[in-house]
Each structure stands twice: as C-alpha cells, then as structure tokens.
Amino acid sequence: MSATAPSTPKAHQDRWQEIVDDPALRDLPYTVETNERGQILLSPHSNRHSYRQAAVRDLLQKHAPDGLVVPEFALTTRQGVKSPDVVWMSADRRQEMDATGDPATRAPQICVEIMSTSNTAAEMDEKRRLYREIGAEEVWVVDTDGRIRFYGEEEMDASEVAPRCPNEV
C-alpha cells in the first residue's frame, strides 16, 4: 500500500492500479472498493444480490436507450474507488469516461446500488452523493424487498432516462 493516503483523483487511480495488479487480490469473491485513505473494502455477495444484479441489468437492457450495461464498474470518487452494482452509459458518455482514466472520474448516466443487510441508509446516501458529484444523472437504489428507488436531484417516481422501467425487480 502507498505510504500516504491518496489525495487526488489521479492518486486514487494509481492506488486502484496497485490493487488490480496484486495477484493475491485477483480472484476474490467480493466487491472491492477503497475508502478515502486508499484502504481496501471488501463486500461479499449473496446469491440473492447476484440475482437482483442480473434482473437490473435485464431491465436496463430492455428499458434504457441504446447504450452499455455493465456490472461492478469502478469509479473514482473523492471518497476512493466505488463500484456500483450495475451501470448504464450511452456511447458518448463511455468516450467521456474513458478519457478520464481507469477507473473513470466521470460517472455513467445511471449508477445502481443493490442493498444488502450489511448496507446502511447513510452509506447509500453517501454513494448517491458521490456518484452525482462525478456526473451520474440518476442513481437507483434497490432495497432488500426488490423495490427500486430512483434519484436525480431528489427522489423521483420513475427514471427519466428509462421512464418505462418498473419500480421493482
């Protein structure tokens, strides 16, 4: 691990590359993120979580405009590298994101987080703020009952990007 905590987006990207290159971490069955100090955070997934992730991917493929749906997409935020469970991006946004480095410092249009019993509402509120700060138009949060809550500036009744998307999986 670096001697000092990352303080810039580039430093977070460099720290992330160290983690990606570490052979001991390559095959972990967890979501890997970092905090603002560059420390590794691991979150194990249940099968239920994976099923919901697949269901959200399918909803986005069906109801969002043409674009790319990707699971576990790493994003550089002011609080470290976070990995939304599912993201949707247009081709133009993908180019913008790719130009910022890896992991991107620009968010896709839609970032989705799937709650598990280990998540807190405060944690989801913070992730929503972080994704919006780097350009997400919407953040969707899927609760433990499968209900989808859509957020832009505030909570919305439906997605503006994918308005025909149902509000549950």
C-alpha atoms as a PDB file:
ATOM      1  CA  MET A   1       0.000   0.000   0.000  1.00  0.00           C
ATOM      2  CA  SER A   2       1.155   3.540  -0.673  1.00  0.00           C
ATOM      3  CA  ALA A   3       2.854   5.323   2.201  1.00  0.00           C
ATOM      4  CA  THR A   4       0.415   8.237   2.057  1.00  0.00           C
ATOM      5  CA  ALA A   5      -3.322   8.377   1.581  1.00  0.00           C
ATOM      6  CA  PRO A   6      -4.485   9.323  -1.935  1.00  0.00           C
ATOM      7  CA  SER A   7      -5.470  12.983  -2.107  1.00  0.00           C
ATOM      8  CA  THR A   8      -6.289  13.474  -5.797  1.00  0.00           C
ATOM      9  CA  PRO A   9      -8.294  11.543  -8.378  1.00  0.00           C
ATOM     10  CA  LYS A  10      -5.010  10.524 -10.057  1.00  0.00           C
ATOM     11  CA  ALA A  11      -3.668   9.217  -6.728  1.00  0.00           C
ATOM     12  CA  HIS A  12      -6.864   7.161  -6.253  1.00  0.00           C
ATOM     13  CA  GLN A  13      -6.452   5.803  -9.800  1.00  0.00           C
ATOM     14  CA  ASP A  14      -2.813   4.885  -9.109  1.00  0.00           C
ATOM     15  CA  ARG A  15      -3.783   3.169  -5.845  1.00  0.00           C
ATOM     16  CA  TRP A  16      -6.514   1.271  -7.689  1.00  0.00           C
ATOM     17  CA  GLN A  17      -3.981   0.063 -10.269  1.00  0.00           C
ATOM     18  CA  GLU A  18      -1.815  -1.289  -7.422  1.00  0.00           C
ATOM     19  CA  ILE A  19      -4.832  -3.257  -6.168  1.00  0.00           C
ATOM     20  CA  VAL A  20      -5.730  -4.523  -9.658  1.00  0.00           C
ATOM     21  CA  ASP A  21      -2.133  -5.647 -10.233  1.00  0.00           C
ATOM     22  CA  ASP A  22      -1.869  -7.524  -6.897  1.00  0.00           C
ATOM     23  CA  PRO A  23      -2.089 -11.266  -7.707  1.00  0.00           C
ATOM     24  CA  ALA A  24      -3.331 -12.064  -4.191  1.00  0.00           C
ATOM     25  CA  LEU A  25      -6.475  -9.990  -4.800  1.00  0.00           C
ATOM     26  CA  ARG A  26      -7.392 -11.050  -8.352  1.00  0.00           C
ATOM     27  CA  ASP A  27      -9.853 -13.847  -7.648  1.00  0.00           C
ATOM     28  CA  LEU A  28     -11.616 -12.608  -4.523  1.00  0.00           C
ATOM     29  CA  PRO A  29     -15.354 -13.379  -4.493  1.00  0.00           C
ATOM     30  CA  TYR A  30     -16.143  -9.869  -3.244  1.00  0.00           C
ATOM     31  CA  THR A  31     -16.871  -6.408  -4.494  1.00  0.00           C
ATOM     32  CA  VAL A  32     -13.664  -4.481  -3.957  1.00  0.00           C
ATOM     33  CA  GLU A  33     -13.735  -0.747  -3.253  1.00  0.00           C
ATOM     34  CA  THR A  34     -11.466   1.686  -1.442  1.00  0.00           C
ATOM     35  CA  ASN A  35     -12.140   4.402   1.084  1.00  0.00           C
ATOM     36  CA  GLU A  36     -10.783   7.947   1.027  1.00  0.00           C
ATOM     37  CA  ARG A  37      -7.480   6.714   2.506  1.00  0.00           C
ATOM     38  CA  GLY A  38      -6.960   4.082  -0.197  1.00  0.00           C
ATOM     39  CA  GLN A  39      -7.721   1.195   2.158  1.00  0.00           C
ATOM     40  CA  ILE A  40      -9.407  -1.837   0.605  1.00  0.00           C
ATOM     41  CA  LEU A  41     -13.051  -2.502   1.456  1.00  0.00           C
ATOM     42  CA  LEU A  42     -14.467  -5.954   0.686  1.00  0.00           C
ATOM     43  CA  SER A  43     -18.180  -6.737   0.408  1.00  0.00           C
ATOM     44  CA  PRO A  44     -19.267 -10.361  -0.039  1.00  0.00           C
ATOM     45  CA  HIS A  45     -22.281 -11.047  -2.265  1.00  0.00           C
ATOM     46  CA  SER A  46     -25.151 -13.405  -1.602  1.00  0.00           C
ATOM     47  CA  ASN A  47     -26.803 -15.251  -4.468  1.00  0.00           C
ATOM     48  CA  ARG A  48     -29.889 -13.076  -3.909  1.00  0.00           C
ATOM     49  CA  HIS A  49     -27.748  -9.996  -4.558  1.00  0.00           C
ATOM     50  CA  SER A  50     -26.384 -11.531  -7.774  1.00  0.00           C
ATOM     51  CA  TYR A  51     -29.898 -12.422  -8.962  1.00  0.00           C
ATOM     52  CA  ARG A  52     -31.052  -8.842  -8.373  1.00  0.00           C
ATOM     53  CA  GLN A  53     -27.983  -7.539 -10.170  1.00  0.00           C
ATOM     54  CA  ALA A  54     -28.888  -9.691 -13.194  1.00  0.00           C
ATOM     55  CA  ALA A  55     -32.526  -8.565 -13.028  1.00  0.00           C
ATOM     56  CA  VAL A  56     -31.498  -4.886 -13.004  1.00  0.00           C
ATOM     57  CA  ARG A  57     -29.149  -5.499 -15.924  1.00  0.00           C
ATOM     58  CA  ASP A  58     -32.044  -7.067 -17.846  1.00  0.00           C
ATOM     59  CA  LEU A  59     -34.363  -4.129 -17.016  1.00  0.00           C
ATOM     60  CA  LEU A  60     -31.796  -1.629 -18.236  1.00  0.00           C
ATOM     61  CA  GLN A  61     -31.184  -3.569 -21.430  1.00  0.00           C
ATOM     62  CA  LYS A  62     -34.918  -3.626 -22.093  1.00  0.00           C
ATOM     63  CA  HIS A  63     -35.967  -0.119 -20.989  1.00  0.00           C
ATOM     64  CA  ALA A  64     -32.961   2.207 -21.291  1.00  0.00           C
ATOM     65  CA  PRO A  65     -31.967   3.773 -24.602  1.00  0.00           C
ATOM     66  CA  ASP A  66     -29.196   2.184 -26.651  1.00  0.00           C
ATOM     67  CA  GLY A  67     -26.092   2.008 -24.535  1.00  0.00           C
ATOM     68  CA  LEU A  68     -23.924  -0.289 -22.495  1.00  0.00           C
ATOM     69  CA  VAL A  69     -24.970  -2.043 -19.269  1.00  0.00           C
ATOM     70  CA  VAL A  70     -22.050  -3.159 -17.091  1.00  0.00           C
ATOM     71  CA  PRO A  71     -21.904  -4.801 -13.638  1.00  0.00           C
ATOM     72  CA  GLU A  72     -19.404  -3.783 -10.948  1.00  0.00           C
ATOM     73  CA  PHE A  73     -17.966  -0.727 -12.686  1.00  0.00           C
ATOM     74  CA  ALA A  74     -15.141   1.019 -10.792  1.00  0.00           C
ATOM     75  CA  LEU A  75     -15.411   4.809 -10.410  1.00  0.00           C
ATOM     76  CA  THR A  76     -13.003   7.238  -8.789  1.00  0.00           C
ATOM     77  CA  THR A  77     -14.739   9.497  -6.259  1.00  0.00           C
ATOM     78  CA  ARG A  78     -13.479  11.928  -3.628  1.00  0.00           C
ATOM     79  CA  GLN A  79     -14.026   9.108  -1.106  1.00  0.00           C
ATOM     80  CA  GLY A  80     -11.993   6.491  -3.000  1.00  0.00           C
ATOM     81  CA  VAL A  81     -12.943   3.985  -5.670  1.00  0.00           C
ATOM     82  CA  LYS A  82     -16.548   2.803  -5.553  1.00  0.00           C
ATOM     83  CA  SER A  83     -18.142   0.107  -7.714  1.00  0.00           C
ATOM     84  CA  PRO A  84     -21.863   0.476  -8.382  1.00  0.00           C
ATOM     85  CA  ASP A  85     -23.537  -2.912  -8.804  1.00  0.00           C
ATOM     86  CA  VAL A  86     -24.791  -2.055 -12.295  1.00  0.00           C
ATOM     87  CA  VAL A  87     -24.318   0.984 -14.546  1.00  0.00           C
ATOM     88  CA  TRP A  88     -25.779   2.190 -17.830  1.00  0.00           C
ATOM     89  CA  MET A  89     -23.957   4.553 -20.187  1.00  0.00           C
ATOM     90  CA  SER A  90     -24.502   5.906 -23.680  1.00  0.00           C
ATOM     91  CA  ALA A  91     -21.751   5.549 -26.287  1.00  0.00           C
ATOM     92  CA  ASP A  92     -20.920   9.255 -25.970  1.00  0.00           C
ATOM     93  CA  ARG A  93     -20.671   9.023 -22.171  1.00  0.00           C
ATOM     94  CA  ARG A  94     -18.434   5.978 -22.467  1.00  0.00           C
ATOM     95  CA  GLN A  95     -15.978   8.015 -24.542  1.00  0.00           C
ATOM     96  CA  GLU A  96     -16.066  10.837 -21.987  1.00  0.00           C
ATOM     97  CA  MET A  97     -15.484   8.355 -19.158  1.00  0.00           C
ATOM     98  CA  ASP A  98     -12.658   6.525 -20.925  1.00  0.00           C
ATOM     99  CA  ALA A  99     -10.849   9.833 -21.453  1.00  0.00           C
ATOM    100  CA  THR A 100     -10.678  10.377 -17.658  1.00  0.00           C
ATOM    101  CA  GLY A 101      -8.570   7.276 -16.957  1.00  0.00           C
ATOM    102  CA  ASP A 102      -9.139   3.965 -15.225  1.00  0.00           C
ATOM    103  CA  PRO A 103     -11.084   3.908 -13.021  1.00  0.00           C
ATOM    104  CA  ALA A 104     -13.100   6.718 -14.542  1.00  0.00           C
ATOM    105  CA  THR A 105     -13.565  10.021 -12.734  1.00  0.00           C
ATOM    106  CA  ARG A 106     -16.778  10.631 -14.717  1.00  0.00           C
ATOM    107  CA  ALA A 107     -19.844   8.542 -13.860  1.00  0.00           C
ATOM    108  CA  PRO A 108     -22.192   6.781 -16.270  1.00  0.00           C
ATOM    109  CA  GLN A 109     -25.659   8.294 -16.634  1.00  0.00           C
ATOM    110  CA  ILE A 110     -27.182   5.627 -14.343  1.00  0.00           C
ATOM    111  CA  CYS A 111     -25.493   4.013 -11.325  1.00  0.00           C
ATOM    112  CA  VAL A 112     -27.370   1.280  -9.434  1.00  0.00           C
ATOM    113  CA  GLU A 113     -26.717   0.066  -5.901  1.00  0.00           C
ATOM    114  CA  ILE A 114     -28.378  -3.068  -4.561  1.00  0.00           C
ATOM    115  CA  MET A 115     -28.881  -3.005  -0.804  1.00  0.00           C
ATOM    116  CA  SER A 116     -27.993  -5.964   1.345  1.00  0.00           C
ATOM    117  CA  THR A 117     -28.470  -6.438   5.058  1.00  0.00           C
ATOM    118  CA  SER A 118     -24.928  -5.150   5.650  1.00  0.00           C
ATOM    119  CA  ASN A 119     -25.647  -1.777   3.980  1.00  0.00           C
ATOM    120  CA  THR A 120     -26.969   1.247   5.822  1.00  0.00           C
ATOM    121  CA  ALA A 121     -29.174   4.042   4.551  1.00  0.00           C
ATOM    122  CA  ALA A 122     -26.378   6.510   5.360  1.00  0.00           C
ATOM    123  CA  GLU A 123     -23.928   4.508   3.231  1.00  0.00           C
ATOM    124  CA  MET A 124     -26.351   4.557   0.279  1.00  0.00           C
ATOM    125  CA  ASP A 125     -26.986   8.292   0.734  1.00  0.00           C
ATOM    126  CA  GLU A 126     -23.221   8.899   0.596  1.00  0.00           C
ATOM    127  CA  LYS A 127     -22.778   6.746  -2.525  1.00  0.00           C
ATOM    128  CA  ARG A 128     -25.661   8.586  -4.189  1.00  0.00           C
ATOM    129  CA  ARG A 129     -23.941  11.917  -3.456  1.00  0.00           C
ATOM    130  CA  LEU A 130     -20.575  10.629  -4.685  1.00  0.00           C
ATOM    131  CA  TYR A 131     -21.972   9.303  -7.984  1.00  0.00           C
ATOM    132  CA  ARG A 132     -23.938  12.510  -8.587  1.00  0.00           C
ATOM    133  CA  GLU A 133     -20.826  14.630  -7.861  1.00  0.00           C
ATOM    134  CA  ILE A 134     -18.991  12.912 -10.715  1.00  0.00           C
ATOM    135  CA  GLY A 135     -21.830  13.224 -13.176  1.00  0.00           C
ATOM    136  CA  ALA A 136     -24.416  10.463 -12.685  1.00  0.00           C
ATOM    137  CA  GLU A 137     -27.774  11.708 -13.889  1.00  0.00           C
ATOM    138  CA  GLU A 138     -29.603   9.083 -11.857  1.00  0.00           C
ATOM    139  CA  VAL A 139     -28.789   6.733  -9.017  1.00  0.00           C
ATOM    140  CA  TRP A 140     -31.095   3.803  -8.441  1.00  0.00           C
ATOM    141  CA  VAL A 141     -31.189   2.004  -5.107  1.00  0.00           C
ATOM    142  CA  VAL A 142     -32.752  -1.459  -4.966  1.00  0.00           C
ATOM    143  CA  ASP A 143     -33.918  -2.207  -1.417  1.00  0.00           C
ATOM    144  CA  THR A 144     -33.899  -5.626   0.236  1.00  0.00           C
ATOM    145  CA  ASP A 145     -37.506  -6.213  -0.888  1.00  0.00           C
ATOM    146  CA  GLY A 146     -36.597  -5.601  -4.555  1.00  0.00           C
ATOM    147  CA  ARG A 147     -38.161  -2.129  -4.776  1.00  0.00           C
ATOM    148  CA  ILE A 148     -36.244   0.316  -6.975  1.00  0.00           C
ATOM    149  CA  ARG A 149     -35.975   3.913  -5.786  1.00  0.00           C
ATOM    150  CA  PHE A 150     -34.944   6.417  -8.458  1.00  0.00           C
ATOM    151  CA  TYR A 151     -32.908   9.517  -7.584  1.00  0.00           C
ATOM    152  CA  GLY A 152     -31.812  12.565  -9.521  1.00  0.00           C
ATOM    153  CA  GLU A 153     -31.504  15.785  -7.535  1.00  0.00           C
ATOM    154  CA  GLU A 154     -34.266  14.321  -5.353  1.00  0.00           C
ATOM    155  CA  GLU A 155     -36.176  11.041  -5.274  1.00  0.00           C
ATOM    156  CA  MET A 156     -38.305  10.552  -8.403  1.00  0.00           C
ATOM    157  CA  ASP A 157     -41.383   8.419  -9.081  1.00  0.00           C
ATOM    158  CA  ALA A 158     -39.720   6.947 -12.176  1.00  0.00           C
ATOM    159  CA  SER A 159     -36.482   7.086 -14.099  1.00  0.00           C
ATOM    160  CA  GLU A 160     -36.194   9.963 -16.547  1.00  0.00           C
ATOM    161  CA  VAL A 161     -33.596   8.085 -18.618  1.00  0.00           C
ATOM    162  CA  ALA A 162     -35.627   4.838 -18.717  1.00  0.00           C
ATOM    163  CA  PRO A 163     -39.190   6.008 -17.916  1.00  0.00           C
ATOM    164  CA  ARG A 164     -40.845   2.664 -18.693  1.00  0.00           C
ATOM    165  CA  CYS A 165     -38.671   0.758 -16.270  1.00  0.00           C
ATOM    166  CA  PRO A 166     -40.758  -0.815 -13.476  1.00  0.00           C
ATOM    167  CA  ASN A 167     -40.003   0.132  -9.890  1.00  0.00           C
ATOM    168  CA  GLU A 168     -39.260  -3.380  -8.670  1.00  0.00           C
ATOM    169  CA  VAL A 169     -37.231  -6.463  -9.566  1.00  0.00           C
END
